[in-house]
Amino acid sequence: MRKAEIQRTTGETSVRVSLDLDGTGAYQVSTGIGFLDHMLEQLSRHSLIDLMVEAKGDLHIDQHHTTEDTGIAIGEALARALGDKRGITRYGSAYSPMDETLSRVALDISGRPYLVWKAEFTTPRLGEMDTELFEHWFQSFAVAAGITLHAECLYGQNNHHIIESLFKGLARALRIAVEIDPRKADSIPSTKGMLGGGPAAE
């Protein structure tokens, strides 16, 4: 049962997340930020990870803390659901076209968090969400999940398409990486015998 629940409470936010890696892409998301809700729904639907997110934060100040803590909580839940990562495919990548936009996402569930982000936006906001917070969500998620994550918009013009293609690409890459490899279902996919714990892990 590759499921997890996380409750993250700070002086700035309260975030509750539950997920099921072997789900069908069912979601229930409420963060108080409509555009972030839309992106997290895409993440769930296209990864087939069932996802419930309920976040309440200091939106009267800005969206920074809610965005950050939502990424952290989802990442922590993913890491907990993966356990020792036994049997997973580990690596995943996806090209995600959306009209004029094409994005590429590649990741390694390595236990070594790192984000490479190559995407630019020409508007400061989409809906009510600050576009500078998209990279911050990916960074928070990658660090908490313990994954090496490369996210790149290869080309595109429409800002909505750019970020949605990146979230969909993340979803499809995660779907591949968290799958159990039937040929090695009882093994940890590393010559070290473990994933994480330092730069020497391979």
C-alpha atoms as a PDB file:
ATOM      1  CA  MET A   1       0.000   0.000   0.000  1.00  0.00           C
ATOM      2  CA  ARG A   2       2.030   2.931  -1.284  1.00  0.00           C
ATOM      3  CA  LYS A   3       0.049   5.648   0.428  1.00  0.00           C
ATOM      4  CA  ALA A   4       0.946   8.517   2.754  1.00  0.00           C
ATOM      5  CA  GLU A   5      -0.619  11.351   4.687  1.00  0.00           C
ATOM      6  CA  ILE A   6       1.160  14.530   5.777  1.00  0.00           C
ATOM      7  CA  GLN A   7       0.005  17.324   8.050  1.00  0.00           C
ATOM      8  CA  ARG A   8       2.270  20.372   7.906  1.00  0.00           C
ATOM      9  CA  THR A   9       1.420  23.230  10.253  1.00  0.00           C
ATOM     10  CA  THR A  10       3.458  26.392  10.704  1.00  0.00           C
ATOM     11  CA  GLY A  11       2.759  29.924  11.838  1.00  0.00           C
ATOM     12  CA  GLU A  12       2.041  30.733   8.198  1.00  0.00           C
ATOM     13  CA  THR A  13       0.126  27.768   6.799  1.00  0.00           C
ATOM     14  CA  SER A  14      -1.709  24.558   7.557  1.00  0.00           C
ATOM     15  CA  VAL A  15      -1.438  21.951   4.819  1.00  0.00           C
ATOM     16  CA  ARG A  16      -2.895  18.456   4.764  1.00  0.00           C
ATOM     17  CA  VAL A  17      -1.943  16.064   1.963  1.00  0.00           C
ATOM     18  CA  SER A  18      -2.785  12.455   1.265  1.00  0.00           C
ATOM     19  CA  LEU A  19      -1.717  10.532  -1.810  1.00  0.00           C
ATOM     20  CA  ASP A  20      -1.803   7.061  -3.302  1.00  0.00           C
ATOM     21  CA  LEU A  21       0.896   6.216  -5.809  1.00  0.00           C
ATOM     22  CA  ASP A  22      -1.173   3.367  -7.234  1.00  0.00           C
ATOM     23  CA  GLY A  23      -4.314   5.367  -7.793  1.00  0.00           C
ATOM     24  CA  THR A  24      -6.300   6.411 -10.840  1.00  0.00           C
ATOM     25  CA  GLY A  25      -5.627  10.147 -10.863  1.00  0.00           C
ATOM     26  CA  ALA A  26      -8.499  11.117  -8.580  1.00  0.00           C
ATOM     27  CA  TYR A  27      -8.029  14.471  -6.876  1.00  0.00           C
ATOM     28  CA  GLN A  28      -9.512  16.864  -4.370  1.00  0.00           C
ATOM     29  CA  VAL A  29      -7.520  20.087  -4.163  1.00  0.00           C
ATOM     30  CA  SER A  30      -8.148  23.315  -2.297  1.00  0.00           C
ATOM     31  CA  THR A  31      -5.297  25.746  -1.654  1.00  0.00           C
ATOM     32  CA  GLY A  32      -7.079  29.084  -1.885  1.00  0.00           C
ATOM     33  CA  ILE A  33      -5.093  29.810  -5.075  1.00  0.00           C
ATOM     34  CA  GLY A  34      -7.218  28.881  -8.067  1.00  0.00           C
ATOM     35  CA  PHE A  35      -4.407  28.541 -10.587  1.00  0.00           C
ATOM     36  CA  LEU A  36      -2.322  26.374  -8.243  1.00  0.00           C
ATOM     37  CA  ASP A  37      -5.364  24.148  -7.720  1.00  0.00           C
ATOM     38  CA  HIS A  38      -5.615  23.755 -11.494  1.00  0.00           C
ATOM     39  CA  MET A  39      -1.947  22.743 -11.790  1.00  0.00           C
ATOM     40  CA  LEU A  40      -2.141  20.228  -8.932  1.00  0.00           C
ATOM     41  CA  GLU A  41      -5.234  18.687 -10.499  1.00  0.00           C
ATOM     42  CA  GLN A  42      -3.242  18.233 -13.707  1.00  0.00           C
ATOM     43  CA  LEU A  43      -0.410  16.683 -11.701  1.00  0.00           C
ATOM     44  CA  SER A  44      -2.748  14.117 -10.194  1.00  0.00           C
ATOM     45  CA  ARG A  45      -4.726  13.297 -13.319  1.00  0.00           C
ATOM     46  CA  HIS A  46      -1.726  12.724 -15.570  1.00  0.00           C
ATOM     47  CA  SER A  47       0.458  10.894 -13.031  1.00  0.00           C
ATOM     48  CA  LEU A  48      -2.412   8.621 -11.919  1.00  0.00           C
ATOM     49  CA  ILE A  49      -1.464   9.520  -8.341  1.00  0.00           C
ATOM     50  CA  ASP A  50      -4.565  10.064  -6.230  1.00  0.00           C
ATOM     51  CA  LEU A  51      -4.066  13.392  -4.483  1.00  0.00           C
ATOM     52  CA  MET A  52      -5.905  15.253  -1.756  1.00  0.00           C
ATOM     53  CA  VAL A  53      -4.600  18.674  -0.774  1.00  0.00           C
ATOM     54  CA  GLU A  54      -6.191  21.057   1.702  1.00  0.00           C
ATOM     55  CA  ALA A  55      -4.189  24.194   2.426  1.00  0.00           C
ATOM     56  CA  LYS A  56      -4.992  27.298   4.422  1.00  0.00           C
ATOM     57  CA  GLY A  57      -2.374  29.996   4.468  1.00  0.00           C
ATOM     58  CA  ASP A  58      -1.667  33.677   4.978  1.00  0.00           C
ATOM     59  CA  LEU A  59      -2.987  34.722   1.580  1.00  0.00           C
ATOM     60  CA  HIS A  60      -3.774  38.159   2.989  1.00  0.00           C
ATOM     61  CA  ILE A  61       0.013  38.683   2.860  1.00  0.00           C
ATOM     62  CA  ASP A  62       0.811  36.918  -0.411  1.00  0.00           C
ATOM     63  CA  GLN A  63       0.860  33.443  -1.972  1.00  0.00           C
ATOM     64  CA  HIS A  64       4.491  32.597  -1.251  1.00  0.00           C
ATOM     65  CA  HIS A  65       4.084  30.551   1.934  1.00  0.00           C
ATOM     66  CA  THR A  66       1.064  28.603   0.698  1.00  0.00           C
ATOM     67  CA  THR A  67       2.780  27.739  -2.579  1.00  0.00           C
ATOM     68  CA  GLU A  68       6.007  26.723  -0.844  1.00  0.00           C
ATOM     69  CA  ASP A  69       4.414  24.642   1.902  1.00  0.00           C
ATOM     70  CA  THR A  70       2.099  22.899  -0.537  1.00  0.00           C
ATOM     71  CA  GLY A  71       5.130  21.821  -2.574  1.00  0.00           C
ATOM     72  CA  ILE A  72       6.927  20.672   0.570  1.00  0.00           C
ATOM     73  CA  ALA A  73       3.959  18.677   1.881  1.00  0.00           C
ATOM     74  CA  ILE A  74       3.311  16.921  -1.450  1.00  0.00           C
ATOM     75  CA  GLY A  75       7.017  16.133  -1.758  1.00  0.00           C
ATOM     76  CA  GLU A  76       7.163  14.738   1.776  1.00  0.00           C
ATOM     77  CA  ALA A  77       4.087  12.604   1.140  1.00  0.00           C
ATOM     78  CA  LEU A  78       5.620  11.253  -2.067  1.00  0.00           C
ATOM     79  CA  ALA A  79       8.861  10.350  -0.276  1.00  0.00           C
ATOM     80  CA  ARG A  80       6.990   8.646   2.549  1.00  0.00           C
ATOM     81  CA  ALA A  81       4.786   6.655   0.169  1.00  0.00           C
ATOM     82  CA  LEU A  82       7.876   5.446  -1.721  1.00  0.00           C
ATOM     83  CA  GLY A  83       9.464   4.085   1.459  1.00  0.00           C
ATOM     84  CA  ASP A  84      12.865   2.543   0.677  1.00  0.00           C
ATOM     85  CA  LYS A  85      12.037   2.857  -3.048  1.00  0.00           C
ATOM     86  CA  ARG A  86      12.275  -0.876  -3.562  1.00  0.00           C
ATOM     87  CA  GLY A  87      11.229  -2.001  -7.025  1.00  0.00           C
ATOM     88  CA  ILE A  88      10.604   1.407  -8.555  1.00  0.00           C
ATOM     89  CA  THR A  89      11.662   2.291 -12.088  1.00  0.00           C
ATOM     90  CA  ARG A  90      13.417   5.312 -10.506  1.00  0.00           C
ATOM     91  CA  TYR A  91      13.956   7.379 -13.665  1.00  0.00           C
ATOM     92  CA  GLY A  92      11.264   9.073 -15.703  1.00  0.00           C
ATOM     93  CA  SER A  93      11.086  11.609 -18.488  1.00  0.00           C
ATOM     94  CA  ALA A  94       8.424  13.108 -20.701  1.00  0.00           C
ATOM     95  CA  TYR A  95       7.943  15.567 -23.518  1.00  0.00           C
ATOM     96  CA  SER A  96       4.738  17.522 -23.069  1.00  0.00           C
ATOM     97  CA  PRO A  97       3.321  19.433 -26.044  1.00  0.00           C
ATOM     98  CA  MET A  98       0.533  21.949 -25.567  1.00  0.00           C
ATOM     99  CA  ASP A  99      -0.403  23.822 -28.725  1.00  0.00           C
ATOM    100  CA  GLU A 100       2.628  26.006 -29.604  1.00  0.00           C
ATOM    101  CA  THR A 101       4.538  24.989 -26.465  1.00  0.00           C
ATOM    102  CA  LEU A 102       6.818  22.015 -25.882  1.00  0.00           C
ATOM    103  CA  SER A 103       8.318  21.171 -22.489  1.00  0.00           C
ATOM    104  CA  ARG A 104      10.658  18.429 -21.339  1.00  0.00           C
ATOM    105  CA  VAL A 105      10.844  17.048 -17.804  1.00  0.00           C
ATOM    106  CA  ALA A 106      13.306  14.436 -16.606  1.00  0.00           C
ATOM    107  CA  LEU A 107      13.729  13.167 -13.065  1.00  0.00           C
ATOM    108  CA  ASP A 108      15.571  10.684 -10.894  1.00  0.00           C
ATOM    109  CA  ILE A 109      14.099   9.526  -7.580  1.00  0.00           C
ATOM    110  CA  SER A 110      17.613   9.511  -6.209  1.00  0.00           C
ATOM    111  CA  GLY A 111      17.306  10.808  -2.667  1.00  0.00           C
ATOM    112  CA  ARG A 112      19.536  13.688  -3.838  1.00  0.00           C
ATOM    113  CA  PRO A 113      17.391  16.781  -4.341  1.00  0.00           C
ATOM    114  CA  TYR A 114      18.296  19.134  -7.150  1.00  0.00           C
ATOM    115  CA  LEU A 115      16.325  21.348  -9.493  1.00  0.00           C
ATOM    116  CA  VAL A 116      17.326  22.620 -12.918  1.00  0.00           C
ATOM    117  CA  TRP A 117      14.670  25.069 -14.107  1.00  0.00           C
ATOM    118  CA  LYS A 118      14.604  26.620 -17.566  1.00  0.00           C
ATOM    119  CA  ALA A 119      11.368  28.467 -18.150  1.00  0.00           C
ATOM    120  CA  GLU A 120      10.564  32.134 -18.576  1.00  0.00           C
ATOM    121  CA  PHE A 121       7.282  33.999 -18.362  1.00  0.00           C
ATOM    122  CA  THR A 122       6.305  37.281 -19.963  1.00  0.00           C
ATOM    123  CA  THR A 123       3.548  38.150 -17.513  1.00  0.00           C
ATOM    124  CA  PRO A 124       3.851  38.618 -13.743  1.00  0.00           C
ATOM    125  CA  ARG A 125       0.639  36.722 -13.005  1.00  0.00           C
ATOM    126  CA  LEU A 126      -1.590  33.948 -14.282  1.00  0.00           C
ATOM    127  CA  GLY A 127      -5.006  34.270 -12.783  1.00  0.00           C
ATOM    128  CA  GLU A 128      -4.187  35.458  -9.273  1.00  0.00           C
ATOM    129  CA  MET A 129      -0.897  33.518  -9.037  1.00  0.00           C
ATOM    130  CA  ASP A 130       2.511  35.146  -9.323  1.00  0.00           C
ATOM    131  CA  THR A 131       4.455  33.433 -12.109  1.00  0.00           C
ATOM    132  CA  GLU A 132       7.732  33.683 -10.140  1.00  0.00           C
ATOM    133  CA  LEU A 133       6.235  31.172  -7.691  1.00  0.00           C
ATOM    134  CA  PHE A 134       6.136  28.322 -10.222  1.00  0.00           C
ATOM    135  CA  GLU A 135       9.873  27.707  -9.962  1.00  0.00           C
ATOM    136  CA  HIS A 136       9.612  27.973  -6.194  1.00  0.00           C
ATOM    137  CA  TRP A 137       6.932  25.263  -6.102  1.00  0.00           C
ATOM    138  CA  PHE A 138       9.092  22.922  -8.207  1.00  0.00           C
ATOM    139  CA  GLN A 139      12.104  23.637  -5.968  1.00  0.00           C
ATOM    140  CA  SER A 140      10.147  22.996  -2.765  1.00  0.00           C
ATOM    141  CA  PHE A 141       8.680  19.793  -4.160  1.00  0.00           C
ATOM    142  CA  ALA A 142      12.011  18.449  -5.459  1.00  0.00           C
ATOM    143  CA  VAL A 143      13.831  19.070  -2.170  1.00  0.00           C
ATOM    144  CA  ALA A 144      11.104  17.544  -0.003  1.00  0.00           C
ATOM    145  CA  ALA A 145      10.642  14.548  -2.309  1.00  0.00           C
ATOM    146  CA  GLY A 146      14.386  13.951  -2.609  1.00  0.00           C
ATOM    147  CA  ILE A 147      14.430  13.902  -6.388  1.00  0.00           C
ATOM    148  CA  THR A 148      16.714  15.297  -9.053  1.00  0.00           C
ATOM    149  CA  LEU A 149      14.395  17.244 -11.318  1.00  0.00           C
ATOM    150  CA  HIS A 150      15.099  18.947 -14.634  1.00  0.00           C
ATOM    151  CA  ALA A 151      12.233  21.022 -16.037  1.00  0.00           C
ATOM    152  CA  GLU A 152      12.623  22.949 -19.263  1.00  0.00           C
ATOM    153  CA  CYS A 153      10.331  24.751 -21.665  1.00  0.00           C
ATOM    154  CA  LEU A 154      11.941  24.134 -25.047  1.00  0.00           C
ATOM    155  CA  TYR A 155       9.765  26.724 -26.727  1.00  0.00           C
ATOM    156  CA  GLY A 156       6.402  28.406 -26.289  1.00  0.00           C
ATOM    157  CA  GLN A 157       4.645  31.747 -26.206  1.00  0.00           C
ATOM    158  CA  ASN A 158       1.476  31.404 -24.156  1.00  0.00           C
ATOM    159  CA  ASN A 159       2.306  31.599 -20.443  1.00  0.00           C
ATOM    160  CA  HIS A 160      -0.586  29.362 -19.422  1.00  0.00           C
ATOM    161  CA  HIS A 161       0.531  26.699 -21.880  1.00  0.00           C
ATOM    162  CA  ILE A 162       4.139  26.911 -20.688  1.00  0.00           C
ATOM    163  CA  ILE A 163       3.451  26.193 -17.031  1.00  0.00           C
ATOM    164  CA  GLU A 164       0.683  23.684 -17.695  1.00  0.00           C
ATOM    165  CA  SER A 165       2.944  21.712 -20.029  1.00  0.00           C
ATOM    166  CA  LEU A 166       5.628  21.652 -17.309  1.00  0.00           C
ATOM    167  CA  PHE A 167       3.210  20.308 -14.692  1.00  0.00           C
ATOM    168  CA  LYS A 168       1.886  17.726 -17.134  1.00  0.00           C
ATOM    169  CA  GLY A 169       5.436  16.746 -18.024  1.00  0.00           C
ATOM    170  CA  LEU A 170       6.233  16.337 -14.321  1.00  0.00           C
ATOM    171  CA  ALA A 171       3.140  14.191 -13.936  1.00  0.00           C
ATOM    172  CA  ARG A 172       4.031  11.885 -16.815  1.00  0.00           C
ATOM    173  CA  ALA A 173       7.644  11.566 -15.696  1.00  0.00           C
ATOM    174  CA  LEU A 174       6.522  10.729 -12.150  1.00  0.00           C
ATOM    175  CA  ARG A 175       4.079   8.144 -13.465  1.00  0.00           C
ATOM    176  CA  ILE A 176       6.971   6.309 -15.113  1.00  0.00           C
ATOM    177  CA  ALA A 177       9.452   6.703 -12.258  1.00  0.00           C
ATOM    178  CA  VAL A 178       7.216   5.494  -9.403  1.00  0.00           C
ATOM    179  CA  GLU A 179       5.983   2.422 -11.282  1.00  0.00           C
ATOM    180  CA  ILE A 180       7.121  -0.942  -9.965  1.00  0.00           C
ATOM    181  CA  ASP A 181       9.481  -2.641 -12.417  1.00  0.00           C
ATOM    182  CA  PRO A 182       8.211  -6.255 -12.618  1.00  0.00           C
ATOM    183  CA  ARG A 183      11.701  -7.498 -13.481  1.00  0.00           C
ATOM    184  CA  LYS A 184      13.240  -6.023 -10.308  1.00  0.00           C
ATOM    185  CA  ALA A 185      10.304  -5.664  -7.948  1.00  0.00           C
ATOM    186  CA  ASP A 186      12.270  -6.787  -4.890  1.00  0.00           C
ATOM    187  CA  SER A 187      15.404  -4.722  -5.517  1.00  0.00           C
ATOM    188  CA  ILE A 188      16.417  -1.167  -4.784  1.00  0.00           C
ATOM    189  CA  PRO A 189      17.473   0.371  -8.130  1.00  0.00           C
ATOM    190  CA  SER A 190      20.997   1.334  -7.110  1.00  0.00           C
ATOM    191  CA  THR A 191      24.350  -0.481  -7.100  1.00  0.00           C
ATOM    192  CA  LYS A 192      24.785   0.969  -3.617  1.00  0.00           C
ATOM    193  CA  GLY A 193      21.796  -0.934  -2.266  1.00  0.00           C
ATOM    194  CA  MET A 194      20.130   2.281  -1.117  1.00  0.00           C
ATOM    195  CA  LEU A 195      18.980   5.572  -2.590  1.00  0.00           C
ATOM    196  CA  GLY A 196      19.952   8.872  -1.031  1.00  0.00           C
ATOM    197  CA  GLY A 197      22.373   9.771   1.681  1.00  0.00           C
ATOM    198  CA  GLY A 198      25.018  11.624  -0.292  1.00  0.00           C
ATOM    199  CA  PRO A 199      26.524  12.380  -3.687  1.00  0.00           C
ATOM    200  CA  ALA A 200      28.203   8.957  -3.940  1.00  0.00           C
ATOM    201  CA  ALA A 201      24.906   7.085  -4.314  1.00  0.00           C
ATOM    202  CA  GLU A 202      24.468   5.769  -7.846  1.00  0.00           C
END
